[in-house]
Amino acid sequence: MNEAAISHVFEGMEREDFRRILLVRLDNLGDVLLTTPAFRAVRQTLPEAHLALLAGPAGCEIGRLDPDVDETILYHAPNEDVYFRLPQDPKRELDAVETLKERDFDAAIIFTSYKQSALPAAYLCYLAGIPVRAAGSFEGPGSLLTHRHRYEETVPPKHETLRGLELTESLGFPPVEPEMVLVPREEDEESAARLLERHGVERFILVHPGASASSRAYPPERYVEVVEGLAEQSGLPALVTGGRDEEDLTRLVAGSTGVALGGETSFGSFAALVGRAAVVVTNNTGTTHVASALKRPVVTVFAGTNPAEQWGPWRTPNHLLTHPVPCAPCYKRVCPIGHECMRGIAPGTVVGAALRLLHESFVPAAEVL
């Protein structure tokens, strides 16, 4: 950002006024990862600034593997509590305000996806006394925002990586390549290497059957058929990954031919495993974006919940599998009518897509340290 751009966009403030910047993205892991190109745009323009990321638990995992982010601040936002798991606790928000006050930020840039409001986060930043508060907003923000952007509406919608960059460019930050930023640490790579050695695995296919919303999860019994088909037709083992609450799911899907790794990886070591996979098979969930960020071939079994053009794999070899249904995009977290958009995709189709990527892709897996 040159001095003229700063003066024009931020009303006379100089480059040295932007010592501490708060980046806000409060939703899921994949959403935060898709915003990392915008974080890079800020970093490249203000290389000496302290950049902090305000995010939920999964988003903080991304921030810790993003070299452009200096600090992560954990915040459980009630407007992202879609399953109503957070108790009503005003002290949580008051504490968040005090945390932000103590850090004395000069500006906050609030990133949201298509159907989210930026105003709850803007109000938090307003109460914390952050003088510059920028976001895209389809609602009238009043004085909660000092800089309001109206996103360009396109058909089909822009990919989410480009949406974040649209906001930063509107604020005067020069464009950067829309490449996601995710760098597993040395200890993550070492952990992944130990895990593979323990299971006697070298080249493998990674299958991740879980998703943060059940509406976006391919049925487990079909993933069982996928793992069996991959073992029979590729000759490669399938590593079936999942979180600590998905151990039963990974055991079910792995069956007798795969390797169940539910609960065995931190996010960092999981990312390192993805970086070594010959092919990744998953739902339209964060793992698709981890594979994209690490340039691994990915098969995405894509539910009719969201526009594929906006949330699909990005800049990596891929096969995006869909089954058209009249209710798409529904934006629902739980399907009320039978999940036809997923059940209409045969396991053999998923296996065939993975095999084609194995033969078509010449992307080398990450080197083992």
Protein backbone atom coordinates (compact mmCIF):
# COMPACT_ATOMS: atom_id res chain seq x y z
CA MET A 1 0.00 0.00 0.00
CA ASN A 2 1.60 3.27 -1.04
CA GLU A 3 1.25 6.46 0.99
CA ALA A 4 -1.40 7.85 -1.40
CA ALA A 5 -3.52 4.71 -1.01
CA ILE A 6 -3.31 4.86 2.78
CA SER A 7 -4.23 8.53 2.77
CA HIS A 8 -7.19 7.95 0.45
CA VAL A 9 -8.59 4.80 2.03
CA PHE A 10 -7.81 5.38 5.70
CA GLU A 11 -8.46 9.12 5.87
CA GLY A 12 -5.02 10.56 6.25
CA MET A 13 -3.38 7.85 8.31
CA GLU A 14 0.24 7.09 7.45
CA ARG A 15 1.92 3.72 7.04
CA GLU A 16 3.51 3.96 10.49
CA ASP A 17 0.04 4.37 12.03
CA PHE A 18 -0.69 0.73 11.18
CA ARG A 19 1.47 -0.97 13.78
CA ARG A 20 -1.10 -3.52 14.96
CA ILE A 21 -3.80 -5.00 12.74
CA LEU A 22 -6.58 -7.36 13.82
CA LEU A 23 -7.76 -9.84 11.18
CA VAL A 24 -11.15 -11.38 12.00
CA ARG A 25 -12.60 -14.61 10.59
CA LEU A 26 -14.82 -16.42 13.04
CA ASP A 27 -16.21 -19.47 11.23
CA ASN A 28 -14.83 -22.89 10.23
CA LEU A 29 -11.31 -24.12 9.54
CA GLY A 30 -11.73 -24.18 5.77
CA ASP A 31 -13.23 -20.69 5.73
CA VAL A 32 -10.24 -19.24 7.55
CA LEU A 33 -7.82 -21.11 5.29
CA LEU A 34 -9.57 -19.68 2.22
CA THR A 35 -8.97 -16.19 3.64
CA THR A 36 -5.19 -16.60 3.96
CA PRO A 37 -4.50 -14.97 0.56
CA ALA A 38 -6.10 -11.80 1.94
CA PHE A 39 -3.95 -12.07 5.07
CA ARG A 40 -0.91 -12.27 2.78
CA ALA A 41 -2.00 -9.13 0.95
CA VAL A 42 -1.97 -7.24 4.26
CA ARG A 43 1.37 -8.76 5.29
CA GLN A 44 3.12 -7.93 2.03
CA THR A 45 1.99 -4.32 2.22
CA LEU A 46 2.74 -3.85 5.92
CA PRO A 47 5.67 -6.21 6.56
CA GLU A 48 6.57 -4.65 9.92
CA ALA A 49 3.05 -4.65 11.36
CA HIS A 50 1.88 -7.08 14.04
CA LEU A 51 -0.96 -9.14 12.53
CA ALA A 52 -3.28 -10.94 14.96
CA LEU A 53 -6.07 -13.32 13.96
CA LEU A 54 -9.29 -13.40 15.96
CA ALA A 55 -10.86 -16.79 15.29
CA GLY A 56 -12.59 -19.81 16.75
CA PRO A 57 -10.70 -22.95 17.78
CA ALA A 58 -10.39 -24.37 14.26
CA GLY A 59 -9.48 -21.00 12.76
CA CYS A 60 -6.69 -20.56 15.32
CA GLU A 61 -5.21 -23.86 14.07
CA ILE A 62 -4.88 -22.26 10.64
CA GLY A 63 -3.37 -19.10 12.11
CA ARG A 64 -0.66 -21.12 13.84
CA LEU A 65 0.41 -22.61 10.48
CA ASP A 66 0.30 -19.29 8.62
CA PRO A 67 3.66 -17.46 8.72
CA ASP A 68 1.86 -14.21 7.88
CA VAL A 69 0.04 -14.28 11.25
CA ASP A 70 1.97 -13.24 14.37
CA GLU A 71 -0.66 -14.09 16.97
CA THR A 72 -3.93 -15.97 17.29
CA ILE A 73 -6.69 -14.88 19.68
CA LEU A 74 -9.31 -17.48 20.51
CA TYR A 75 -12.90 -16.29 20.59
CA HIS A 76 -16.04 -18.45 20.72
CA ALA A 77 -18.45 -16.19 18.82
CA PRO A 78 -22.15 -16.73 19.67
CA ASN A 79 -23.19 -15.78 16.12
CA GLU A 80 -21.16 -18.78 14.89
CA ASP A 81 -22.73 -21.11 17.46
CA VAL A 82 -24.94 -22.80 14.85
CA TYR A 83 -25.57 -25.89 17.00
CA PHE A 84 -26.48 -23.84 20.13
CA ARG A 85 -23.70 -25.32 22.23
CA LEU A 86 -22.51 -22.13 23.93
CA PRO A 87 -24.23 -21.12 27.15
CA GLN A 88 -25.49 -17.57 27.37
CA ASP A 89 -22.58 -15.84 29.07
CA PRO A 90 -22.19 -12.08 28.57
CA LYS A 91 -18.91 -12.24 30.49
CA ARG A 92 -17.39 -14.14 27.53
CA GLU A 93 -18.02 -11.16 25.24
CA LEU A 94 -16.97 -8.61 27.86
CA ASP A 95 -13.72 -10.51 28.36
CA ALA A 96 -13.17 -10.54 24.59
CA VAL A 97 -13.62 -6.78 24.48
CA GLU A 98 -11.05 -6.35 27.26
CA THR A 99 -8.60 -8.68 25.48
CA LEU A 100 -8.83 -6.59 22.32
CA LYS A 101 -8.55 -3.34 24.29
CA GLU A 102 -5.35 -4.52 25.95
CA ARG A 103 -3.75 -5.24 22.59
CA ASP A 104 -4.31 -1.68 21.34
CA PHE A 105 -5.09 -2.45 17.69
CA ASP A 106 -4.98 0.35 15.13
CA ALA A 107 -7.36 -1.33 12.67
CA ALA A 108 -9.57 -4.38 12.28
CA ILE A 109 -10.44 -6.07 9.00
CA ILE A 110 -13.45 -8.37 9.34
CA PHE A 111 -13.88 -11.18 6.80
CA THR A 112 -17.14 -13.05 6.31
CA SER A 113 -18.68 -15.39 3.77
CA TYR A 114 -21.74 -14.77 1.64
CA LYS A 115 -24.52 -15.25 4.19
CA GLN A 116 -22.76 -13.98 7.31
CA SER A 117 -23.07 -10.63 9.01
CA ALA A 118 -19.93 -8.68 9.88
CA LEU A 119 -21.74 -6.50 12.40
CA PRO A 120 -21.43 -8.63 15.59
CA ALA A 121 -17.64 -8.65 15.17
CA ALA A 122 -17.70 -4.97 14.21
CA TYR A 123 -19.55 -4.17 17.44
CA LEU A 124 -16.96 -6.12 19.44
CA CYS A 125 -14.19 -4.08 17.80
CA TYR A 126 -16.16 -0.86 18.31
CA LEU A 127 -16.48 -1.56 22.04
CA ALA A 128 -12.75 -2.36 22.17
CA GLY A 129 -11.98 1.11 20.83
CA ILE A 130 -10.34 -0.02 17.58
CA PRO A 131 -10.48 3.18 15.51
CA VAL A 132 -10.53 1.68 11.98
CA ARG A 133 -13.08 -1.09 11.36
CA ALA A 134 -13.45 -2.42 7.83
CA ALA A 135 -15.69 -5.15 6.42
CA GLY A 136 -17.98 -6.09 3.60
CA SER A 137 -21.58 -5.66 4.68
CA PHE A 138 -24.95 -6.07 2.96
CA GLU A 139 -26.58 -4.55 6.06
CA GLY A 140 -26.50 -0.91 7.02
CA PRO A 141 -23.69 -0.74 9.60
CA GLY A 142 -24.20 2.76 10.92
CA SER A 143 -21.02 3.83 12.68
CA LEU A 144 -20.00 0.26 13.56
CA LEU A 145 -17.85 0.26 10.42
CA THR A 146 -15.58 3.08 9.38
CA HIS A 147 -15.02 1.44 5.97
CA ARG A 148 -17.84 -0.53 4.38
CA HIS A 149 -17.43 -2.55 1.20
CA ARG A 150 -20.30 -3.89 -0.89
CA TYR A 151 -19.23 -7.17 -2.46
CA GLU A 152 -19.64 -7.59 -6.17
CA GLU A 153 -22.47 -10.01 -6.98
CA THR A 154 -21.50 -12.40 -9.77
CA VAL A 155 -23.11 -15.45 -11.39
CA PRO A 156 -21.64 -17.92 -10.68
CA PRO A 157 -20.36 -16.55 -7.37
CA LYS A 158 -16.67 -15.85 -6.90
CA HIS A 159 -14.53 -18.46 -5.23
CA GLU A 160 -14.13 -17.68 -1.54
CA THR A 161 -10.39 -17.07 -1.92
CA LEU A 162 -11.22 -14.17 -4.24
CA ARG A 163 -13.88 -12.76 -1.93
CA GLY A 164 -11.34 -12.04 0.81
CA LEU A 165 -9.01 -10.41 -1.69
CA GLU A 166 -11.86 -8.28 -3.00
CA LEU A 167 -12.17 -6.76 0.47
CA THR A 168 -8.46 -6.06 0.91
CA GLU A 169 -8.20 -4.58 -2.58
CA SER A 170 -11.14 -2.28 -1.80
CA LEU A 171 -9.10 -0.99 1.14
CA GLY A 172 -6.10 -0.18 -1.06
CA PHE A 173 -3.97 -3.27 -0.50
CA PRO A 174 -2.41 -4.33 -3.82
CA PRO A 175 -3.54 -7.71 -5.16
CA VAL A 176 -1.54 -10.87 -4.57
CA GLU A 177 -1.77 -14.31 -6.13
CA PRO A 178 -4.85 -16.05 -4.67
CA GLU A 179 -2.83 -18.90 -3.19
CA MET A 180 -3.73 -20.23 0.24
CA VAL A 181 -1.01 -20.21 2.89
CA LEU A 182 -0.50 -23.28 5.09
CA VAL A 183 2.95 -24.37 6.29
CA PRO A 184 3.17 -27.40 8.59
CA ARG A 185 5.94 -27.00 11.15
CA GLU A 186 9.00 -29.23 11.38
CA GLU A 187 7.54 -31.02 14.39
CA ASP A 188 4.34 -31.66 12.40
CA GLU A 189 6.32 -33.26 9.59
CA GLU A 190 8.26 -35.38 12.06
CA SER A 191 5.04 -36.51 13.75
CA ALA A 192 3.53 -37.50 10.40
CA ALA A 193 6.68 -39.41 9.48
CA ARG A 194 6.58 -41.34 12.77
CA LEU A 195 2.92 -42.18 12.26
CA LEU A 196 3.55 -43.55 8.76
CA GLU A 197 6.54 -45.54 9.98
CA ARG A 198 4.51 -47.03 12.82
CA HIS A 199 1.87 -48.26 10.37
CA GLY A 200 4.43 -49.35 7.75
CA VAL A 201 3.02 -46.98 5.13
CA GLU A 202 4.86 -45.07 2.40
CA ARG A 203 2.63 -44.12 -0.55
CA PHE A 204 -1.04 -43.86 0.39
CA ILE A 205 -4.46 -42.39 -0.32
CA LEU A 206 -5.92 -40.23 2.44
CA VAL A 207 -9.68 -40.53 3.04
CA HIS A 208 -11.34 -38.03 5.37
CA PRO A 209 -15.04 -38.97 5.80
CA GLY A 210 -16.11 -36.40 8.38
CA ALA A 211 -17.51 -32.89 8.01
CA SER A 212 -18.54 -30.15 10.42
CA ALA A 213 -22.12 -30.39 9.10
CA SER A 214 -23.85 -33.72 8.54
CA SER A 215 -25.46 -32.36 5.38
CA ARG A 216 -22.02 -32.27 3.76
CA ALA A 217 -20.91 -35.79 4.75
CA TYR A 218 -20.99 -38.65 2.25
CA PRO A 219 -22.70 -41.63 3.97
CA PRO A 220 -20.21 -43.74 5.98
CA GLU A 221 -21.39 -47.02 4.44
CA ARG A 222 -20.52 -45.63 1.02
CA TYR A 223 -17.10 -44.54 2.21
CA VAL A 224 -16.58 -48.16 3.31
CA GLU A 225 -17.12 -49.20 -0.31
CA VAL A 226 -14.76 -46.45 -1.49
CA VAL A 227 -11.95 -47.64 0.79
CA GLU A 228 -12.45 -51.25 -0.29
CA GLY A 229 -12.50 -50.28 -3.96
CA LEU A 230 -9.37 -48.16 -3.65
CA ALA A 231 -7.46 -50.97 -1.91
CA GLU A 232 -8.49 -53.47 -4.59
CA GLN A 233 -7.92 -51.30 -7.65
CA SER A 234 -5.01 -49.02 -6.68
CA GLY A 235 -2.93 -51.33 -4.49
CA LEU A 236 -2.41 -48.41 -2.09
CA PRO A 237 -3.53 -48.34 1.54
CA ALA A 238 -6.15 -45.81 2.57
CA LEU A 239 -5.41 -43.79 5.70
CA VAL A 240 -8.77 -42.78 7.18
CA THR A 241 -8.41 -39.62 9.23
CA GLY A 242 -10.68 -37.86 11.71
CA GLY A 243 -10.79 -35.91 14.93
CA ARG A 244 -10.98 -37.19 18.49
CA ASP A 245 -14.76 -37.47 18.25
CA GLU A 246 -14.54 -39.45 15.00
CA GLU A 247 -12.68 -42.57 16.12
CA ASP A 248 -15.71 -44.81 15.61
CA LEU A 249 -16.33 -43.29 12.19
CA THR A 250 -12.76 -43.85 11.02
CA ARG A 251 -12.75 -47.45 12.26
CA LEU A 252 -16.02 -48.13 10.45
CA VAL A 253 -14.81 -46.59 7.19
CA ALA A 254 -11.35 -48.17 7.33
CA GLY A 255 -12.78 -51.67 7.77
CA SER A 256 -10.27 -54.45 7.20
CA THR A 257 -8.41 -52.82 4.30
CA GLY A 258 -7.74 -49.26 5.53
CA VAL A 259 -5.86 -47.73 8.45
CA ALA A 260 -8.02 -45.87 10.98
CA LEU A 261 -6.32 -42.77 12.38
CA GLY A 262 -9.21 -41.10 14.16
CA GLY A 263 -7.92 -39.00 17.05
CA GLU A 264 -4.27 -39.81 16.31
CA THR A 265 -3.21 -36.50 14.76
CA SER A 266 -3.01 -32.88 15.75
CA PHE A 267 -4.12 -30.49 13.03
CA GLY A 268 -0.49 -29.80 12.16
CA SER A 269 0.43 -33.46 11.72
CA PHE A 270 -2.82 -34.01 9.82
CA ALA A 271 -1.83 -31.25 7.40
CA ALA A 272 1.59 -32.84 7.03
CA LEU A 273 -0.10 -36.16 6.17
CA VAL A 274 -2.28 -34.46 3.57
CA GLY A 275 0.88 -32.98 2.05
CA ARG A 276 2.29 -36.51 1.56
CA ALA A 277 -0.84 -38.15 0.16
CA ALA A 278 -0.93 -39.47 -3.39
CA VAL A 279 -4.63 -38.47 -3.54
CA VAL A 280 -7.07 -37.07 -0.98
CA VAL A 281 -10.74 -38.15 -0.94
CA THR A 282 -13.14 -36.10 1.18
CA ASN A 283 -16.35 -34.05 1.38
CA ASN A 284 -16.80 -30.34 0.75
CA THR A 285 -15.18 -29.56 4.06
CA GLY A 286 -11.92 -28.12 5.36
CA THR A 287 -9.86 -31.08 4.13
CA THR A 288 -10.62 -30.12 0.54
CA HIS A 289 -9.03 -26.74 1.20
CA VAL A 290 -6.06 -28.20 3.08
CA ALA A 291 -5.39 -30.41 0.05
CA SER A 292 -5.73 -27.39 -2.25
CA ALA A 293 -3.37 -25.30 -0.14
CA LEU A 294 -0.76 -28.09 -0.18
CA LYS A 295 -1.30 -28.80 -3.92
CA ARG A 296 -2.42 -32.37 -3.48
CA PRO A 297 -4.83 -34.02 -5.93
CA VAL A 298 -8.26 -34.17 -4.33
CA VAL A 299 -11.60 -35.85 -5.00
CA THR A 300 -14.37 -33.84 -3.37
CA VAL A 301 -17.77 -35.47 -2.91
CA PHE A 302 -19.68 -32.20 -2.99
CA ALA A 303 -23.09 -31.85 -1.33
CA GLY A 304 -25.77 -29.53 -2.65
CA THR A 305 -25.45 -27.25 0.36
CA ASN A 306 -23.32 -24.53 -1.21
CA PRO A 307 -22.32 -23.36 -4.71
CA ALA A 308 -19.43 -25.53 -5.91
CA GLU A 309 -17.92 -22.59 -7.80
CA GLN A 310 -17.52 -20.74 -4.50
CA TRP A 311 -16.34 -23.53 -2.21
CA GLY A 312 -14.77 -26.22 -4.38
CA PRO A 313 -11.10 -27.28 -4.71
CA TRP A 314 -8.78 -24.46 -5.74
CA ARG A 315 -5.74 -24.50 -8.02
CA THR A 316 -4.87 -28.17 -7.57
CA PRO A 317 -5.66 -31.29 -9.65
CA ASN A 318 -9.17 -32.35 -8.65
CA HIS A 319 -12.41 -34.07 -9.46
CA LEU A 320 -15.45 -32.40 -7.94
CA LEU A 321 -18.37 -34.85 -7.84
CA THR A 322 -21.94 -33.61 -7.62
CA HIS A 323 -25.45 -34.97 -8.09
CA PRO A 324 -27.91 -32.26 -9.19
CA VAL A 325 -31.00 -31.82 -7.02
CA PRO A 326 -33.71 -29.15 -7.19
CA CYS A 327 -33.16 -28.03 -3.58
CA ALA A 328 -29.52 -26.99 -4.10
CA PRO A 329 -27.99 -24.84 -2.81
CA CYS A 330 -29.86 -25.28 0.46
CA TYR A 331 -27.25 -23.90 2.95
CA LYS A 332 -28.55 -26.38 5.54
CA ARG A 333 -26.40 -28.13 8.14
CA VAL A 334 -28.77 -31.08 8.49
CA CYS A 335 -30.61 -32.48 5.46
CA PRO A 336 -34.34 -32.87 6.19
CA ILE A 337 -35.29 -34.85 3.07
CA GLY A 338 -32.99 -37.84 2.51
CA HIS A 339 -29.61 -36.46 1.40
CA GLU A 340 -30.22 -37.29 -2.25
CA CYS A 341 -27.45 -34.93 -3.41
CA MET A 342 -24.93 -37.27 -1.77
CA ARG A 343 -26.68 -40.62 -2.15
CA GLY A 344 -26.89 -39.98 -5.87
CA ILE A 345 -23.08 -40.29 -6.15
CA ALA A 346 -22.06 -43.95 -6.43
CA PRO A 347 -18.98 -45.24 -4.56
CA GLY A 348 -17.64 -46.53 -7.87
CA THR A 349 -17.71 -42.97 -9.21
CA VAL A 350 -15.60 -41.80 -6.27
CA VAL A 351 -13.12 -44.65 -6.71
CA GLY A 352 -12.88 -44.00 -10.45
CA ALA A 353 -12.18 -40.31 -9.89
CA ALA A 354 -9.39 -41.11 -7.42
CA LEU A 355 -7.83 -43.63 -9.80
CA ARG A 356 -7.88 -41.10 -12.64
CA LEU A 357 -6.08 -38.58 -10.45
CA LEU A 358 -3.49 -41.20 -9.52
CA HIS A 359 -2.75 -41.72 -13.20
CA GLU A 360 -3.23 -38.13 -14.40
CA SER A 361 -1.45 -36.20 -11.71
CA PHE A 362 2.28 -35.72 -11.72
CA VAL A 363 2.36 -33.57 -8.58
CA PRO A 364 5.10 -35.03 -6.33
CA ALA A 365 4.18 -35.63 -2.70
CA ALA A 366 5.94 -33.59 -0.04
CA GLU A 367 9.42 -34.84 0.76
CA VAL A 368 9.81 -36.77 3.97
CA LEU A 369 12.24 -35.07 6.32
